[in-house]
Amino acid sequence: MKRVCERCKQKPNMVSVSKMNNDIICVDCKTAEEVHPMYHAAMKAKHAACIAGDTNYPGLYAGKIYPF
């Protein structure tokens, strides 16, 4: 079963987890996310949570629908 990008609803060959929330996103949506003004802050917060042992960190925009 192929996953569907939770943002653009396409069926991509590869998916990734958003750094902003826990959306499963395609490469195109990930590329678009990387230019968001809060992307680097979200990436640092997610990394810090993982280092602290929180592997289920929901992201800076948890529960919010893209675009933030």
PDB file of N, CA and C in Angstrom:
ATOM      1  N   MET A   1       0.839  -1.186   0.000  1.00  0.00           N
ATOM      2  CA  MET A   1       0.000   0.000   0.000  1.00  0.00           C
ATOM      3  C   MET A   1       0.881   1.246   0.000  1.00  0.00           C
ATOM      4  N   LYS A   2       0.680   2.102  -0.954  1.00  0.00           N
ATOM      5  CA  LYS A   2       1.445   3.342  -1.001  1.00  0.00           C
ATOM      6  C   LYS A   2       0.813   4.377  -0.084  1.00  0.00           C
ATOM      7  N   ARG A   3       1.664   5.129   0.565  1.00  0.00           N
ATOM      8  CA  ARG A   3       1.193   6.252   1.377  1.00  0.00           C
ATOM      9  C   ARG A   3       0.778   7.391   0.471  1.00  0.00           C
ATOM     10  N   VAL A   4      -0.032   8.266   1.023  1.00  0.00           N
ATOM     11  CA  VAL A   4      -0.449   9.477   0.330  1.00  0.00           C
ATOM     12  C   VAL A   4       0.101  10.663   1.102  1.00  0.00           C
ATOM     13  N   CYS A   5       0.643  11.634   0.386  1.00  0.00           N
ATOM     14  CA  CYS A   5       1.136  12.845   1.029  1.00  0.00           C
ATOM     15  C   CYS A   5      -0.042  13.520   1.721  1.00  0.00           C
ATOM     16  N   GLU A   6       0.129  13.842   2.994  1.00  0.00           N
ATOM     17  CA  GLU A   6      -0.956  14.434   3.761  1.00  0.00           C
ATOM     18  C   GLU A   6      -1.207  15.896   3.408  1.00  0.00           C
ATOM     19  N   ARG A   7      -0.360  16.484   2.594  1.00  0.00           N
ATOM     20  CA  ARG A   7      -0.550  17.885   2.193  1.00  0.00           C
ATOM     21  C   ARG A   7      -1.118  18.000   0.790  1.00  0.00           C
ATOM     22  N   CYS A   8      -0.463  17.366  -0.179  1.00  0.00           N
ATOM     23  CA  CYS A   8      -0.907  17.514  -1.564  1.00  0.00           C
ATOM     24  C   CYS A   8      -1.767  16.348  -2.047  1.00  0.00           C
ATOM     25  N   LYS A   9      -1.878  15.305  -1.241  1.00  0.00           N
ATOM     26  CA  LYS A   9      -2.725  14.132  -1.522  1.00  0.00           C
ATOM     27  C   LYS A   9      -2.245  13.292  -2.704  1.00  0.00           C
ATOM     28  N   GLN A  10      -0.990  13.499  -3.145  1.00  0.00           N
ATOM     29  CA  GLN A  10      -0.425  12.692  -4.222  1.00  0.00           C
ATOM     30  C   GLN A  10       0.135  11.392  -3.639  1.00  0.00           C
ATOM     31  N   LYS A  11       0.341  10.402  -4.497  1.00  0.00           N
ATOM     32  CA  LYS A  11       0.942   9.136  -4.085  1.00  0.00           C
ATOM     33  C   LYS A  11       2.403   9.143  -4.533  1.00  0.00           C
ATOM     34  N   PRO A  12       3.302   9.567  -3.655  1.00  0.00           N
ATOM     35  CA  PRO A  12       4.711   9.685  -4.027  1.00  0.00           C
ATOM     36  C   PRO A  12       5.454   8.354  -3.920  1.00  0.00           C
ATOM     37  N   ASN A  13       6.623   8.299  -4.554  1.00  0.00           N
ATOM     38  CA  ASN A  13       7.492   7.134  -4.419  1.00  0.00           C
ATOM     39  C   ASN A  13       8.207   7.144  -3.078  1.00  0.00           C
ATOM     40  N   MET A  14       8.507   8.336  -2.571  1.00  0.00           N
ATOM     41  CA  MET A  14       9.189   8.484  -1.283  1.00  0.00           C
ATOM     42  C   MET A  14       8.419   9.472  -0.421  1.00  0.00           C
ATOM     43  N   VAL A  15       8.443   9.213   0.883  1.00  0.00           N
ATOM     44  CA  VAL A  15       7.806  10.134   1.819  1.00  0.00           C
ATOM     45  C   VAL A  15       8.760  10.452   2.952  1.00  0.00           C
ATOM     46  N   SER A  16       8.438  11.506   3.685  1.00  0.00           N
ATOM     47  CA  SER A  16       9.230  11.948   4.819  1.00  0.00           C
ATOM     48  C   SER A  16       8.263  12.461   5.874  1.00  0.00           C
ATOM     49  N   VAL A  17       8.746  12.600   7.092  1.00  0.00           N
ATOM     50  CA  VAL A  17       7.934  13.199   8.143  1.00  0.00           C
ATOM     51  C   VAL A  17       8.293  14.675   8.231  1.00  0.00           C
ATOM     52  N   SER A  18       7.280  15.509   8.287  1.00  0.00           N
ATOM     53  CA  SER A  18       7.479  16.951   8.393  1.00  0.00           C
ATOM     54  C   SER A  18       8.249  17.298   9.660  1.00  0.00           C
ATOM     55  N   LYS A  19       9.034  18.357   9.601  1.00  0.00           N
ATOM     56  CA  LYS A  19       9.705  18.884  10.795  1.00  0.00           C
ATOM     57  C   LYS A  19       8.784  19.835  11.549  1.00  0.00           C
ATOM     58  N   MET A  20       7.727  20.311  10.885  1.00  0.00           N
ATOM     59  CA  MET A  20       6.816  21.281  11.473  1.00  0.00           C
ATOM     60  C   MET A  20       5.732  20.619  12.332  1.00  0.00           C
ATOM     61  N   ASN A  21       5.275  19.448  11.895  1.00  0.00           N
ATOM     62  CA  ASN A  21       4.293  18.655  12.632  1.00  0.00           C
ATOM     63  C   ASN A  21       4.555  17.201  12.256  1.00  0.00           C
ATOM     64  N   ASN A  22       3.639  16.329  12.457  1.00  0.00           N
ATOM     65  CA  ASN A  22       3.886  14.923  12.137  1.00  0.00           C
ATOM     66  C   ASN A  22       3.248  14.475  10.833  1.00  0.00           C
ATOM     67  N   ASP A  23       2.998  15.395   9.904  1.00  0.00           N
ATOM     68  CA  ASP A  23       2.461  15.030   8.596  1.00  0.00           C
ATOM     69  C   ASP A  23       3.455  14.142   7.859  1.00  0.00           C
ATOM     70  N   ILE A  24       2.924  13.191   7.112  1.00  0.00           N
ATOM     71  CA  ILE A  24       3.726  12.390   6.192  1.00  0.00           C
ATOM     72  C   ILE A  24       3.649  13.126   4.859  1.00  0.00           C
ATOM     73  N   ILE A  25       4.803  13.585   4.367  1.00  0.00           N
ATOM     74  CA  ILE A  25       4.812  14.443   3.184  1.00  0.00           C
ATOM     75  C   ILE A  25       5.734  13.906   2.093  1.00  0.00           C
ATOM     76  N   CYS A  26       5.430  14.321   0.875  1.00  0.00           N
ATOM     77  CA  CYS A  26       6.249  13.927  -0.278  1.00  0.00           C
ATOM     78  C   CYS A  26       7.480  14.835  -0.375  1.00  0.00           C
ATOM     79  N   VAL A  27       8.364  14.495  -1.273  1.00  0.00           N
ATOM     80  CA  VAL A  27       9.598  15.258  -1.459  1.00  0.00           C
ATOM     81  C   VAL A  27       9.300  16.694  -1.896  1.00  0.00           C
ATOM     82  N   ASP A  28       8.319  16.883  -2.769  1.00  0.00           N
ATOM     83  CA  ASP A  28       7.981  18.236  -3.219  1.00  0.00           C
ATOM     84  C   ASP A  28       7.476  19.087  -2.062  1.00  0.00           C
ATOM     85  N   CYS A  29       6.631  18.525  -1.204  1.00  0.00           N
ATOM     86  CA  CYS A  29       6.117  19.273  -0.052  1.00  0.00           C
ATOM     87  C   CYS A  29       7.218  19.518   0.968  1.00  0.00           C
ATOM     88  N   LYS A  30       8.147  18.582   1.100  1.00  0.00           N
ATOM     89  CA  LYS A  30       9.279  18.779   2.007  1.00  0.00           C
ATOM     90  C   LYS A  30      10.150  19.931   1.506  1.00  0.00           C
ATOM     91  N   THR A  31      10.391  19.992   0.216  1.00  0.00           N
ATOM     92  CA  THR A  31      11.174  21.075  -0.364  1.00  0.00           C
ATOM     93  C   THR A  31      10.487  22.421  -0.117  1.00  0.00           C
ATOM     94  N   ALA A  32       9.178  22.467  -0.280  1.00  0.00           N
ATOM     95  CA  ALA A  32       8.424  23.696  -0.023  1.00  0.00           C
ATOM     96  C   ALA A  32       8.482  24.066   1.457  1.00  0.00           C
ATOM     97  N   GLU A  33       8.426  23.066   2.333  1.00  0.00           N
ATOM     98  CA  GLU A  33       8.480  23.314   3.777  1.00  0.00           C
ATOM     99  C   GLU A  33       9.821  23.916   4.192  1.00  0.00           C
ATOM    100  N   GLU A  34      10.881  23.510   3.535  1.00  0.00           N
ATOM    101  CA  GLU A  34      12.229  23.958   3.903  1.00  0.00           C
ATOM    102  C   GLU A  34      12.441  25.462   3.727  1.00  0.00           C
ATOM    103  N   VAL A  35      11.587  26.139   2.983  1.00  0.00           N
ATOM    104  CA  VAL A  35      11.722  27.590   2.820  1.00  0.00           C
ATOM    105  C   VAL A  35      10.808  28.361   3.774  1.00  0.00           C
ATOM    106  N   HIS A  36      10.042  27.655   4.594  1.00  0.00           N
ATOM    107  CA  HIS A  36       9.170  28.307   5.578  1.00  0.00           C
ATOM    108  C   HIS A  36      10.043  29.063   6.577  1.00  0.00           C
ATOM    109  N   PRO A  37       9.659  30.277   6.995  1.00  0.00           N
ATOM    110  CA  PRO A  37      10.490  31.066   7.909  1.00  0.00           C
ATOM    111  C   PRO A  37      10.751  30.399   9.264  1.00  0.00           C
ATOM    112  N   MET A  38       9.903  29.484   9.684  1.00  0.00           N
ATOM    113  CA  MET A  38      10.082  28.823  10.979  1.00  0.00           C
ATOM    114  C   MET A  38      10.685  27.421  10.849  1.00  0.00           C
ATOM    115  N   TYR A  39      11.084  27.042   9.631  1.00  0.00           N
ATOM    116  CA  TYR A  39      11.594  25.683   9.411  1.00  0.00           C
ATOM    117  C   TYR A  39      12.811  25.373  10.281  1.00  0.00           C
ATOM    118  N   HIS A  40      13.779  26.268  10.328  1.00  0.00           N
ATOM    119  CA  HIS A  40      14.998  25.986  11.088  1.00  0.00           C
ATOM    120  C   HIS A  40      14.713  25.905  12.591  1.00  0.00           C
ATOM    121  N   ALA A  41      13.819  26.738  13.088  1.00  0.00           N
ATOM    122  CA  ALA A  41      13.432  26.670  14.509  1.00  0.00           C
ATOM    123  C   ALA A  41      12.713  25.351  14.793  1.00  0.00           C
ATOM    124  N   ALA A  42      11.863  24.928  13.876  1.00  0.00           N
ATOM    125  CA  ALA A  42      11.148  23.667  14.048  1.00  0.00           C
ATOM    126  C   ALA A  42      12.111  22.485  14.007  1.00  0.00           C
ATOM    127  N   MET A  43      13.087  22.547  13.106  1.00  0.00           N
ATOM    128  CA  MET A  43      14.071  21.481  12.982  1.00  0.00           C
ATOM    129  C   MET A  43      14.912  21.373  14.255  1.00  0.00           C
ATOM    130  N   LYS A  44      15.338  22.512  14.801  1.00  0.00           N
ATOM    131  CA  LYS A  44      16.125  22.512  16.040  1.00  0.00           C
ATOM    132  C   LYS A  44      15.310  21.991  17.219  1.00  0.00           C
ATOM    133  N   ALA A  45      14.037  22.382  17.297  1.00  0.00           N
ATOM    134  CA  ALA A  45      13.173  21.932  18.391  1.00  0.00           C
ATOM    135  C   ALA A  45      12.944  20.425  18.315  1.00  0.00           C
ATOM    136  N   LYS A  46      12.739  19.909  17.118  1.00  0.00           N
ATOM    137  CA  LYS A  46      12.525  18.463  16.948  1.00  0.00           C
ATOM    138  C   LYS A  46      13.794  17.698  17.311  1.00  0.00           C
ATOM    139  N   HIS A  47      14.946  18.213  16.909  1.00  0.00           N
ATOM    140  CA  HIS A  47      16.224  17.575  17.226  1.00  0.00           C
ATOM    141  C   HIS A  47      16.456  17.567  18.743  1.00  0.00           C
ATOM    142  N   ALA A  48      16.196  18.698  19.390  1.00  0.00           N
ATOM    143  CA  ALA A  48      16.374  18.783  20.842  1.00  0.00           C
ATOM    144  C   ALA A  48      15.447  17.807  21.573  1.00  0.00           C
ATOM    145  N   ALA A  49      14.231  17.672  21.088  1.00  0.00           N
ATOM    146  CA  ALA A  49      13.291  16.735  21.705  1.00  0.00           C
ATOM    147  C   ALA A  49      13.797  15.302  21.565  1.00  0.00           C
ATOM    148  N   CYS A  50      14.319  14.956  20.401  1.00  0.00           N
ATOM    149  CA  CYS A  50      14.857  13.598  20.186  1.00  0.00           C
ATOM    150  C   CYS A  50      16.051  13.338  21.088  1.00  0.00           C
ATOM    151  N   ILE A  51      16.934  14.308  21.221  1.00  0.00           N
ATOM    152  CA  ILE A  51      18.102  14.168  22.099  1.00  0.00           C
ATOM    153  C   ILE A  51      17.651  13.957  23.542  1.00  0.00           C
ATOM    154  N   ALA A  52      16.556  14.620  23.923  1.00  0.00           N
ATOM    155  CA  ALA A  52      16.021  14.499  25.279  1.00  0.00           C
ATOM    156  C   ALA A  52      15.227  13.212  25.477  1.00  0.00           C
ATOM    157  N   GLY A  53      15.079  12.422  24.406  1.00  0.00           N
ATOM    158  CA  GLY A  53      14.391  11.143  24.520  1.00  0.00           C
ATOM    159  C   GLY A  53      12.945  11.155  24.071  1.00  0.00           C
ATOM    160  N   ASP A  54      12.444  12.291  23.607  1.00  0.00           N
ATOM    161  CA  ASP A  54      11.063  12.383  23.149  1.00  0.00           C
ATOM    162  C   ASP A  54      11.006  12.063  21.660  1.00  0.00           C
ATOM    163  N   THR A  55      10.858  10.792  21.345  1.00  0.00           N
ATOM    164  CA  THR A  55      10.823  10.379  19.946  1.00  0.00           C
ATOM    165  C   THR A  55       9.436  10.563  19.326  1.00  0.00           C
ATOM    166  N   ASN A  56       8.483  11.020  20.095  1.00  0.00           N
ATOM    167  CA  ASN A  56       7.130  11.285  19.582  1.00  0.00           C
ATOM    168  C   ASN A  56       6.803  12.773  19.605  1.00  0.00           C
ATOM    169  N   TYR A  57       7.819  13.614  19.533  1.00  0.00           N
ATOM    170  CA  TYR A  57       7.620  15.055  19.542  1.00  0.00           C
ATOM    171  C   TYR A  57       6.695  15.450  18.390  1.00  0.00           C
ATOM    172  N   PRO A  58       5.612  16.165  18.683  1.00  0.00           N
ATOM    173  CA  PRO A  58       4.626  16.465  17.635  1.00  0.00           C
ATOM    174  C   PRO A  58       4.971  17.650  16.737  1.00  0.00           C
ATOM    175  N   GLY A  59       5.986  18.433  17.082  1.00  0.00           N
ATOM    176  CA  GLY A  59       6.372  19.566  16.253  1.00  0.00           C
ATOM    177  C   GLY A  59       5.810  20.880  16.748  1.00  0.00           C
ATOM    178  N   LEU A  60       6.396  21.969  16.268  1.00  0.00           N
ATOM    179  CA  LEU A  60       5.964  23.309  16.670  1.00  0.00           C
ATOM    180  C   LEU A  60       4.516  23.590  16.261  1.00  0.00           C
ATOM    181  N   TYR A  61       4.055  22.960  15.198  1.00  0.00           N
ATOM    182  CA  TYR A  61       2.714  23.210  14.676  1.00  0.00           C
ATOM    183  C   TYR A  61       1.819  21.976  14.801  1.00  0.00           C
ATOM    184  N   ALA A  62       1.998  21.241  15.875  1.00  0.00           N
ATOM    185  CA  ALA A  62       1.204  20.028  16.108  1.00  0.00           C
ATOM    186  C   ALA A  62      -0.282  20.349  16.072  1.00  0.00           C
ATOM    187  N   GLY A  63      -1.021  19.540  15.351  1.00  0.00           N
ATOM    188  CA  GLY A  63      -2.461  19.697  15.274  1.00  0.00           C
ATOM    189  C   GLY A  63      -2.938  20.790  14.343  1.00  0.00           C
ATOM    190  N   LYS A  64      -2.025  21.517  13.730  1.00  0.00           N
ATOM    191  CA  LYS A  64      -2.415  22.593  12.815  1.00  0.00           C
ATOM    192  C   LYS A  64      -2.298  22.103  11.374  1.00  0.00           C
ATOM    193  N   ILE A  65      -3.152  22.614  10.536  1.00  0.00           N
ATOM    194  CA  ILE A  65      -3.173  22.218   9.126  1.00  0.00           C
ATOM    195  C   ILE A  65      -2.291  23.173   8.330  1.00  0.00           C
ATOM    196  N   TYR A  66      -1.455  22.621   7.481  1.00  0.00           N
ATOM    197  CA  TYR A  66      -0.572  23.406   6.632  1.00  0.00           C
ATOM    198  C   TYR A  66      -1.392  24.201   5.633  1.00  0.00           C
ATOM    199  N   PRO A  67      -1.093  25.413   5.291  1.00  0.00           N
ATOM    200  CA  PRO A  67       0.089  26.175   5.678  1.00  0.00           C
ATOM    201  C   PRO A  67      -0.082  26.834   7.037  1.00  0.00           C
ATOM    202  N   PHE A  68       1.020  26.937   7.749  1.00  0.00           N
ATOM    203  CA  PHE A  68       1.015  27.484   9.105  1.00  0.00           C
ATOM    204  C   PHE A  68       1.160  28.971   9.059  1.00  0.00           C
TER     205      PHE A  68
END
